[in-house]
Amino acid sequence: FVVSPPDAVIDAKANALTTNMQQNLGLNPQQTEKVRVINRRAVEQVEIGRLRYKADPRKLAGIVETAGSSRLSAIKDVLTPTQFAKYQRKREEKMGVPNVQGVQGNAAPGLGGVPSDQ
C-alpha cells in the first residue's frame, strides 16, 4: 500500500507556486504551462516523501534536495537568463542564504559561506 497525497493538495501548492512565479517573473503563457508541470512534479515528489519518510528526516531531506535541484535545473531551461537571475535572487532572499548547488557556474562574488558560529 503506497501512501500518496491528494491530487488537490499537490495541484493547489503547484498552482500557487506557478502563479507567484508568473507574477514576479512575467512568464508568458508557454513558460507558465511548462513551469506549472515542473512545479507539480517537484511538489508531488516532496509531498510523497513527506508521507513516506516522516519518521526519517534525513531521508526526507534527501528527497527535498533532489526534488529542488531537478526543479531548479528544469526551470532554468524554461526561463530567460534575466528571469532566472531574478528568480535566483528572490529564492536567495526567501531562504536567507544563496543556494547555488546544482546550478552550473560560480557563486556570485561576496556570497561565500556563512561562518557556523553565527
C-alpha atoms as a PDB file:
ATOM      1  CA  PHE A   1       0.000   0.000   0.000  1.00  0.00           C
ATOM      2  CA  VAL A   2       1.578   3.243  -1.164  1.00  0.00           C
ATOM      3  CA  VAL A   3       0.509   6.386   0.630  1.00  0.00           C
ATOM      4  CA  SER A   4       0.158   9.393  -1.618  1.00  0.00           C
ATOM      5  CA  PRO A   5      -1.117  12.892  -1.008  1.00  0.00           C
ATOM      6  CA  PRO A   6      -4.409  14.012  -2.574  1.00  0.00           C
ATOM      7  CA  ASP A   7      -4.036  15.489  -6.081  1.00  0.00           C
ATOM      8  CA  ALA A   8      -5.956  18.560  -4.897  1.00  0.00           C
ATOM      9  CA  VAL A   9      -3.216  19.326  -2.344  1.00  0.00           C
ATOM     10  CA  ILE A  10      -0.450  18.881  -4.924  1.00  0.00           C
ATOM     11  CA  ASP A  11      -2.311  20.953  -7.533  1.00  0.00           C
ATOM     12  CA  ALA A  12      -3.048  23.758  -5.063  1.00  0.00           C
ATOM     13  CA  LYS A  13       0.592  24.051  -3.973  1.00  0.00           C
ATOM     14  CA  ALA A  14       1.940  23.788  -7.529  1.00  0.00           C
ATOM     15  CA  ASN A  15      -0.576  26.339  -8.831  1.00  0.00           C
ATOM     16  CA  ALA A  16       0.209  28.803  -6.036  1.00  0.00           C
ATOM     17  CA  LEU A  17       3.925  28.458  -6.777  1.00  0.00           C
ATOM     18  CA  THR A  18       3.332  28.896 -10.506  1.00  0.00           C
ATOM     19  CA  THR A  19       1.066  31.942 -10.089  1.00  0.00           C
ATOM     20  CA  ASN A  20       3.656  33.566  -7.838  1.00  0.00           C
ATOM     21  CA  MET A  21       6.406  32.949 -10.401  1.00  0.00           C
ATOM     22  CA  GLN A  22       4.185  34.121 -13.262  1.00  0.00           C
ATOM     23  CA  GLN A  23       3.511  37.428 -11.486  1.00  0.00           C
ATOM     24  CA  ASN A  24       7.061  38.015 -10.258  1.00  0.00           C
ATOM     25  CA  LEU A  25       8.907  36.936 -13.402  1.00  0.00           C
ATOM     26  CA  GLY A  26       6.434  37.943 -16.117  1.00  0.00           C
ATOM     27  CA  LEU A  27       6.160  34.453 -17.583  1.00  0.00           C
ATOM     28  CA  ASN A  28       4.483  34.121 -20.964  1.00  0.00           C
ATOM     29  CA  PRO A  29       1.678  31.530 -21.367  1.00  0.00           C
ATOM     30  CA  GLN A  30       4.022  28.831 -22.720  1.00  0.00           C
ATOM     31  CA  GLN A  31       6.516  29.358 -19.889  1.00  0.00           C
ATOM     32  CA  THR A  32       3.683  29.341 -17.353  1.00  0.00           C
ATOM     33  CA  GLU A  33       2.452  25.929 -18.508  1.00  0.00           C
ATOM     34  CA  LYS A  34       5.963  24.442 -18.572  1.00  0.00           C
ATOM     35  CA  VAL A  35       6.708  25.842 -15.114  1.00  0.00           C
ATOM     36  CA  ARG A  36       3.374  24.504 -13.794  1.00  0.00           C
ATOM     37  CA  VAL A  37       4.336  20.972 -14.925  1.00  0.00           C
ATOM     38  CA  ILE A  38       7.803  21.314 -13.343  1.00  0.00           C
ATOM     39  CA  ASN A  39       6.381  22.707 -10.093  1.00  0.00           C
ATOM     40  CA  ARG A  40       3.734  19.981  -9.895  1.00  0.00           C
ATOM     41  CA  ARG A  41       6.330  17.244 -10.317  1.00  0.00           C
ATOM     42  CA  ALA A  42       8.540  18.754  -7.593  1.00  0.00           C
ATOM     43  CA  VAL A  43       5.644  19.326  -5.179  1.00  0.00           C
ATOM     44  CA  GLU A  44       4.444  15.756  -5.756  1.00  0.00           C
ATOM     45  CA  GLN A  45       7.912  14.325  -5.032  1.00  0.00           C
ATOM     46  CA  VAL A  46       8.203  16.332  -1.808  1.00  0.00           C
ATOM     47  CA  GLU A  47       4.657  15.563  -0.626  1.00  0.00           C
ATOM     48  CA  ILE A  48       5.083  11.820  -1.276  1.00  0.00           C
ATOM     49  CA  GLY A  49       8.446  11.981   0.521  1.00  0.00           C
ATOM     50  CA  ARG A  50       6.820  13.731   3.493  1.00  0.00           C
ATOM     51  CA  LEU A  51       4.277  10.954   3.856  1.00  0.00           C
ATOM     52  CA  ARG A  52       6.667   8.103   3.187  1.00  0.00           C
ATOM     53  CA  TYR A  53       9.624   9.323   5.273  1.00  0.00           C
ATOM     54  CA  LYS A  54       8.074  11.347   8.085  1.00  0.00           C
ATOM     55  CA  ALA A  55       9.901   9.104  10.554  1.00  0.00           C
ATOM     56  CA  ASP A  56      13.215   9.534   8.731  1.00  0.00           C
ATOM     57  CA  PRO A  57      14.144  13.237   8.480  1.00  0.00           C
ATOM     58  CA  ARG A  58      17.490  12.537   6.814  1.00  0.00           C
ATOM     59  CA  LYS A  59      15.854  10.543   4.008  1.00  0.00           C
ATOM     60  CA  LEU A  60      13.181  13.236   3.635  1.00  0.00           C
ATOM     61  CA  ALA A  61      15.853  15.957   3.402  1.00  0.00           C
ATOM     62  CA  GLY A  62      17.468  13.990   0.577  1.00  0.00           C
ATOM     63  CA  ILE A  63      14.143  13.781  -1.295  1.00  0.00           C
ATOM     64  CA  VAL A  64      13.561  17.526  -0.834  1.00  0.00           C
ATOM     65  CA  GLU A  65      17.109  18.312  -2.014  1.00  0.00           C
ATOM     66  CA  THR A  66      16.794  16.098  -5.094  1.00  0.00           C
ATOM     67  CA  ALA A  67      13.357  17.484  -5.997  1.00  0.00           C
ATOM     68  CA  GLY A  68      14.621  21.040  -5.521  1.00  0.00           C
ATOM     69  CA  SER A  69      17.738  20.663  -7.634  1.00  0.00           C
ATOM     70  CA  SER A  70      15.964  18.891 -10.502  1.00  0.00           C
ATOM     71  CA  ARG A  71      13.211  21.548 -10.370  1.00  0.00           C
ATOM     72  CA  LEU A  72      15.829  24.307 -10.465  1.00  0.00           C
ATOM     73  CA  SER A  73      17.568  22.742 -13.453  1.00  0.00           C
ATOM     74  CA  ALA A  74      14.274  22.307 -15.341  1.00  0.00           C
ATOM     75  CA  ILE A  75      13.163  25.861 -14.552  1.00  0.00           C
ATOM     76  CA  LYS A  76      16.488  27.234 -15.771  1.00  0.00           C
ATOM     77  CA  ASP A  77      15.752  25.666 -19.181  1.00  0.00           C
ATOM     78  CA  VAL A  78      12.351  27.413 -19.385  1.00  0.00           C
ATOM     79  CA  LEU A  79      13.198  30.912 -18.129  1.00  0.00           C
ATOM     80  CA  THR A  80      15.199  33.562 -19.952  1.00  0.00           C
ATOM     81  CA  PRO A  81      18.592  34.336 -18.358  1.00  0.00           C
ATOM     82  CA  THR A  82      17.140  37.592 -16.967  1.00  0.00           C
ATOM     83  CA  GLN A  83      14.107  35.817 -15.482  1.00  0.00           C
ATOM     84  CA  PHE A  84      16.294  33.093 -13.999  1.00  0.00           C
ATOM     85  CA  ALA A  85      18.634  35.645 -12.393  1.00  0.00           C
ATOM     86  CA  LYS A  86      15.628  37.368 -10.819  1.00  0.00           C
ATOM     87  CA  TYR A  87      14.235  34.004  -9.689  1.00  0.00           C
ATOM     88  CA  GLN A  88      17.575  33.124  -8.061  1.00  0.00           C
ATOM     89  CA  ARG A  89      17.696  36.485  -6.248  1.00  0.00           C
ATOM     90  CA  LYS A  90      14.153  36.030  -4.904  1.00  0.00           C
ATOM     91  CA  ARG A  91      14.925  32.458  -3.896  1.00  0.00           C
ATOM     92  CA  GLU A  92      18.052  33.519  -2.026  1.00  0.00           C
ATOM     93  CA  GLU A  93      16.165  36.305  -0.228  1.00  0.00           C
ATOM     94  CA  LYS A  94      13.445  33.861   0.801  1.00  0.00           C
ATOM     95  CA  MET A  95      15.922  31.259   2.065  1.00  0.00           C
ATOM     96  CA  GLY A  96      18.184  33.824   3.643  1.00  0.00           C
ATOM     97  CA  VAL A  97      21.262  32.220   2.087  1.00  0.00           C
ATOM     98  CA  PRO A  98      22.246  31.688  -1.502  1.00  0.00           C
ATOM     99  CA  ASN A  99      21.788  28.164  -2.776  1.00  0.00           C
ATOM    100  CA  VAL A 100      23.975  27.606  -5.805  1.00  0.00           C
ATOM    101  CA  GLN A 101      24.156  23.828  -5.585  1.00  0.00           C
ATOM    102  CA  GLY A 102      23.031  22.183  -8.797  1.00  0.00           C
ATOM    103  CA  VAL A 103      23.482  25.374 -10.808  1.00  0.00           C
ATOM    104  CA  GLN A 104      26.415  25.497 -13.158  1.00  0.00           C
ATOM    105  CA  GLY A 105      28.714  28.454 -12.816  1.00  0.00           C
ATOM    106  CA  ASN A 106      30.248  30.234  -9.885  1.00  0.00           C
ATOM    107  CA  ALA A 107      28.614  31.755  -6.858  1.00  0.00           C
ATOM    108  CA  ALA A 108      28.134  35.488  -7.014  1.00  0.00           C
ATOM    109  CA  PRO A 109      31.147  37.354  -5.605  1.00  0.00           C
ATOM    110  CA  GLY A 110      30.875  38.077  -1.894  1.00  0.00           C
ATOM    111  CA  LEU A 111      28.276  35.385  -1.279  1.00  0.00           C
ATOM    112  CA  GLY A 112      30.573  32.860   0.353  1.00  0.00           C
ATOM    113  CA  GLY A 113      29.623  30.536   3.160  1.00  0.00           C
ATOM    114  CA  VAL A 114      28.299  31.819   6.457  1.00  0.00           C
ATOM    115  CA  PRO A 115      30.531  31.106   9.470  1.00  0.00           C
ATOM    116  CA  SER A 116      28.962  28.401  11.599  1.00  0.00           C
ATOM    117  CA  ASP A 117      29.171  30.445  14.807  1.00  0.00           C
ATOM    118  CA  GLN A 118      26.529  32.914  13.702  1.00  0.00           C
END
